[in-house]
C-alpha atoms as a PDB file:
ATOM      1  CA  MET A   1      15.462  27.056  16.040  1.00  0.00           C
ATOM      2  CA  MET A   2      14.137  28.889  13.017  1.00  0.00           C
ATOM      3  CA  PRO A   3      11.377  31.429  13.607  1.00  0.00           C
ATOM      4  CA  GLY A   4       7.918  30.102  12.816  1.00  0.00           C
ATOM      5  CA  ARG A   5       9.037  26.451  12.888  1.00  0.00           C
ATOM      6  CA  GLU A   6       8.040  25.707  16.484  1.00  0.00           C
ATOM      7  CA  GLY A   7       5.808  22.685  16.810  1.00  0.00           C
ATOM      8  CA  LEU A   8       6.424  21.562  13.233  1.00  0.00           C
ATOM      9  CA  VAL A   9       6.248  17.778  13.121  1.00  0.00           C
ATOM     10  CA  THR A  10       7.359  15.686  10.191  1.00  0.00           C
ATOM     11  CA  ILE A  11       5.099  12.695   9.618  1.00  0.00           C
ATOM     12  CA  ASN A  12       6.451   9.635   7.864  1.00  0.00           C
ATOM     13  CA  VAL A  13       4.004   9.032   5.043  1.00  0.00           C
ATOM     14  CA  VAL A  14       3.735   5.601   3.461  1.00  0.00           C
ATOM     15  CA  VAL A  15       1.447   5.008   0.486  1.00  0.00           C
ATOM     16  CA  GLY A  16      -0.236   1.761  -0.477  1.00  0.00           C
ATOM     17  CA  ALA A  17      -2.160   0.468  -3.471  1.00  0.00           C
ATOM     18  CA  ALA A  18      -5.196  -1.769  -3.189  1.00  0.00           C
ATOM     19  CA  ILE A  19      -4.746  -3.150  -6.705  1.00  0.00           C
ATOM     20  CA  ILE A  20      -7.909  -4.805  -7.934  1.00  0.00           C
ATOM     21  CA  ALA A  21      -8.280  -6.884 -11.089  1.00  0.00           C
ATOM     22  CA  GLY A  22     -10.964  -9.358 -12.069  1.00  0.00           C
ATOM     23  CA  GLY A  23     -12.696  -8.974  -8.705  1.00  0.00           C
ATOM     24  CA  ARG A  24      -9.508  -9.882  -6.795  1.00  0.00           C
ATOM     25  CA  LEU A  25      -7.216  -7.881  -4.501  1.00  0.00           C
ATOM     26  CA  LEU A  26      -3.433  -8.089  -4.785  1.00  0.00           C
ATOM     27  CA  ALA A  27      -1.590  -8.845  -1.536  1.00  0.00           C
ATOM     28  CA  ALA A  28       2.208  -8.740  -1.317  1.00  0.00           C
ATOM     29  CA  GLN A  29       4.303 -10.692   1.205  1.00  0.00           C
ATOM     30  CA  ARG A  30       7.124  -8.667   2.788  1.00  0.00           C
ATOM     31  CA  ALA A  31      10.696  -9.876   2.364  1.00  0.00           C
ATOM     32  CA  GLU A  32      12.234  -7.364   4.785  1.00  0.00           C
ATOM     33  CA  PRO A  33      12.967  -5.999   7.343  1.00  0.00           C
ATOM     34  CA  PRO A  34      13.161  -9.153   9.493  1.00  0.00           C
ATOM     35  CA  ALA A  35      10.499  -7.887  11.920  1.00  0.00           C
ATOM     36  CA  LEU A  36       7.955  -7.631   9.069  1.00  0.00           C
ATOM     37  CA  ALA A  37       9.174 -10.419   6.764  1.00  0.00           C
ATOM     38  CA  GLY A  38       6.445 -12.898   5.901  1.00  0.00           C
ATOM     39  CA  GLY A  39       3.604 -10.492   6.678  1.00  0.00           C
ATOM     40  CA  TRP A  40       1.224  -9.401   3.928  1.00  0.00           C
ATOM     41  CA  GLU A  41       0.682  -5.814   2.852  1.00  0.00           C
ATOM     42  CA  PHE A  42      -0.622  -3.496   0.190  1.00  0.00           C
ATOM     43  CA  PRO A  43       2.213  -2.752  -2.270  1.00  0.00           C
ATOM     44  CA  GLY A  44       3.708   0.714  -1.942  1.00  0.00           C
ATOM     45  CA  GLY A  45       6.282   2.541   0.102  1.00  0.00           C
ATOM     46  CA  LYS A  46       7.663   5.797   1.402  1.00  0.00           C
ATOM     47  CA  VAL A  47       7.022   9.180  -0.160  1.00  0.00           C
ATOM     48  CA  ASP A  48      10.264  10.929  -1.117  1.00  0.00           C
ATOM     49  CA  PRO A  49      10.772  14.626  -0.251  1.00  0.00           C
ATOM     50  CA  GLY A  50       9.082  16.827  -2.846  1.00  0.00           C
ATOM     51  CA  GLU A  51       7.094  13.917  -4.284  1.00  0.00           C
ATOM     52  CA  SER A  52       3.291  13.774  -4.223  1.00  0.00           C
ATOM     53  CA  ASP A  53       1.631  10.804  -2.554  1.00  0.00           C
ATOM     54  CA  GLU A  54       0.145   9.722  -5.865  1.00  0.00           C
ATOM     55  CA  ASP A  55       3.437   9.952  -7.785  1.00  0.00           C
ATOM     56  CA  ALA A  56       5.202   8.004  -5.025  1.00  0.00           C
ATOM     57  CA  LEU A  57       2.631   5.209  -5.213  1.00  0.00           C
ATOM     58  CA  VAL A  58       2.908   4.901  -8.997  1.00  0.00           C
ATOM     59  CA  ARG A  59       6.730   4.864  -8.694  1.00  0.00           C
ATOM     60  CA  GLU A  60       6.747   2.308  -5.856  1.00  0.00           C
ATOM     61  CA  CYS A  61       4.430  -0.103  -7.698  1.00  0.00           C
ATOM     62  CA  HIS A  62       6.630   0.120 -10.772  1.00  0.00           C
ATOM     63  CA  GLU A  63       9.746  -0.628  -8.689  1.00  0.00           C
ATOM     64  CA  GLU A  64       8.152  -3.400  -6.595  1.00  0.00           C
ATOM     65  CA  LEU A  65       5.853  -5.069  -9.116  1.00  0.00           C
ATOM     66  CA  GLY A  66       7.056  -4.014 -12.571  1.00  0.00           C
ATOM     67  CA  VAL A  67       3.666  -2.530 -13.471  1.00  0.00           C
ATOM     68  CA  LYS A  68       2.201   0.846 -14.276  1.00  0.00           C
ATOM     69  CA  ILE A  69      -0.919   1.595 -12.235  1.00  0.00           C
ATOM     70  CA  ALA A  70      -3.695   4.159 -12.351  1.00  0.00           C
ATOM     71  CA  LEU A  71      -5.111   5.330  -9.033  1.00  0.00           C
ATOM     72  CA  ASP A  72      -8.834   5.442  -8.445  1.00  0.00           C
ATOM     73  CA  VAL A  73     -10.396   6.101  -4.999  1.00  0.00           C
ATOM     74  CA  ARG A  74      -8.589   7.048  -1.793  1.00  0.00           C
ATOM     75  CA  ILE A  75      -9.589   4.698   1.026  1.00  0.00           C
ATOM     76  CA  GLY A  76     -10.188   6.563   4.273  1.00  0.00           C
ATOM     77  CA  GLY A  77      -7.809   9.191   5.575  1.00  0.00           C
ATOM     78  CA  ASP A  78      -4.503   8.686   7.334  1.00  0.00           C
ATOM     79  CA  TRP A  79      -4.281   5.147   8.726  1.00  0.00           C
ATOM     80  CA  PRO A  80      -1.934   5.126  11.758  1.00  0.00           C
ATOM     81  CA  LEU A  81       1.267   3.110  11.670  1.00  0.00           C
ATOM     82  CA  SER A  82       3.725   2.358  14.448  1.00  0.00           C
ATOM     83  CA  LEU A  83       6.316   4.999  15.307  1.00  0.00           C
ATOM     84  CA  GLY A  84       3.960   7.835  14.376  1.00  0.00           C
ATOM     85  CA  GLY A  85       3.770   7.232  10.645  1.00  0.00           C
ATOM     86  CA  VAL A  86       0.633   7.131   8.527  1.00  0.00           C
ATOM     87  CA  LEU A  87      -0.483   4.959   5.635  1.00  0.00           C
ATOM     88  CA  ARG A  88      -2.495   6.459   2.781  1.00  0.00           C
ATOM     89  CA  VAL A  89      -4.183   3.953   0.470  1.00  0.00           C
ATOM     90  CA  TRP A  90      -5.851   4.188  -2.937  1.00  0.00           C
ATOM     91  CA  THR A  91      -7.647   1.592  -4.989  1.00  0.00           C
ATOM     92  CA  ALA A  92      -5.742   1.092  -8.204  1.00  0.00           C
ATOM     93  CA  ARG A  93      -5.724  -0.866 -11.418  1.00  0.00           C
ATOM     94  CA  ILE A  94      -2.885  -2.120 -13.562  1.00  0.00           C
ATOM     95  CA  VAL A  95      -2.730  -0.312 -16.894  1.00  0.00           C
ATOM     96  CA  GLU A  96       0.524  -1.804 -18.149  1.00  0.00           C
ATOM     97  CA  GLY A  97       2.431  -4.985 -17.334  1.00  0.00           C
ATOM     98  CA  GLU A  98       1.803  -8.018 -15.164  1.00  0.00           C
ATOM     99  CA  ALA A  99       2.515  -7.923 -11.425  1.00  0.00           C
ATOM    100  CA  ARG A 100       5.700  -9.756 -10.408  1.00  0.00           C
ATOM    101  CA  ALA A 101       7.247 -10.133  -6.961  1.00  0.00           C
ATOM    102  CA  LEU A 102      10.398  -8.084  -7.619  1.00  0.00           C
ATOM    103  CA  GLU A 103      10.898  -7.024  -3.979  1.00  0.00           C
ATOM    104  CA  HIS A 104       8.443  -9.309  -2.151  1.00  0.00           C
ATOM    105  CA  LEU A 105       8.548 -12.985  -1.206  1.00  0.00           C
ATOM    106  CA  ALA A 106       5.265 -13.672  -2.986  1.00  0.00           C
ATOM    107  CA  LEU A 107       2.144 -12.099  -4.464  1.00  0.00           C
ATOM    108  CA  ARG A 108      -1.362 -13.425  -4.128  1.00  0.00           C
ATOM    109  CA  TRP A 109      -4.621 -12.383  -5.815  1.00  0.00           C
ATOM    110  CA  LEU A 110      -7.363 -12.731  -3.199  1.00  0.00           C
ATOM    111  CA  ALA A 111     -11.014 -13.294  -4.119  1.00  0.00           C
ATOM    112  CA  PRO A 112     -13.657 -11.594  -1.917  1.00  0.00           C
ATOM    113  CA  GLY A 113     -14.000 -14.676   0.285  1.00  0.00           C
ATOM    114  CA  GLU A 114     -10.210 -14.996   0.676  1.00  0.00           C
ATOM    115  CA  LEU A 115      -9.332 -11.488   1.880  1.00  0.00           C
ATOM    116  CA  TYR A 116      -8.430 -12.724   5.357  1.00  0.00           C
ATOM    117  CA  ASP A 117      -6.641 -15.903   4.229  1.00  0.00           C
ATOM    118  CA  VAL A 118      -3.249 -14.184   4.566  1.00  0.00           C
ATOM    119  CA  GLU A 119      -1.650 -12.729   7.684  1.00  0.00           C
ATOM    120  CA  TRP A 120      -1.907  -8.985   7.041  1.00  0.00           C
ATOM    121  CA  LEU A 121       0.539  -6.671   8.779  1.00  0.00           C
ATOM    122  CA  PRO A 122      -1.132  -4.805  11.672  1.00  0.00           C
ATOM    123  CA  GLY A 123      -1.045  -1.453   9.833  1.00  0.00           C
ATOM    124  CA  ASP A 124      -2.718  -2.914   6.732  1.00  0.00           C
ATOM    125  CA  LEU A 125      -5.309  -5.150   8.411  1.00  0.00           C
ATOM    126  CA  PRO A 126      -7.950  -2.457   9.201  1.00  0.00           C
ATOM    127  CA  ILE A 127      -7.810  -1.255   5.599  1.00  0.00           C
ATOM    128  CA  VAL A 128      -8.811  -4.669   4.246  1.00  0.00           C
ATOM    129  CA  GLU A 129     -12.346  -4.182   5.571  1.00  0.00           C
ATOM    130  CA  ALA A 130     -12.548  -0.708   4.026  1.00  0.00           C
ATOM    131  CA  VAL A 131     -11.378  -2.071   0.657  1.00  0.00           C
ATOM    132  CA  GLN A 132     -13.747  -5.070   0.687  1.00  0.00           C
ATOM    133  CA  PRO A 133     -16.676  -3.298  -1.046  1.00  0.00           C
ATOM    134  CA  TYR A 134     -14.428  -2.404  -3.989  1.00  0.00           C
ATOM    135  CA  VAL A 135     -13.288  -6.005  -4.385  1.00  0.00           C
ATOM    136  CA  SER A 136     -16.768  -7.442  -4.125  1.00  0.00           C
ATOM    137  CA  GLY A 137     -17.972  -5.158  -6.882  1.00  0.00           C
END
């Protein structure tokens, strides 16, 4: 073991975007892995080594949705995920392109009264309530 590295824990960080446009929130339906397929989530993904959370989120949304986003407000702190990971979420807006389901089964723009009309993944569900004030205006 290297000196000074005792107790060092690597946390798997996943970033998500609460993309809001026209008073609606974008939800994305997972295509994989099989255990999560069909569940709804905030678009995003894993942070690569040496990459900032913000840069990872912009990159992931471009890869998954074909859009360029601008991040606004971070929602809460580290939201716990299974297996010891954390989810970090920002509100965001599309600044270039139109969202397409490039890696998801489907996309859905949810109005304020529809935020719970999809089956959110357990890690994303508590964040929906925290995002609600930003969707409602």
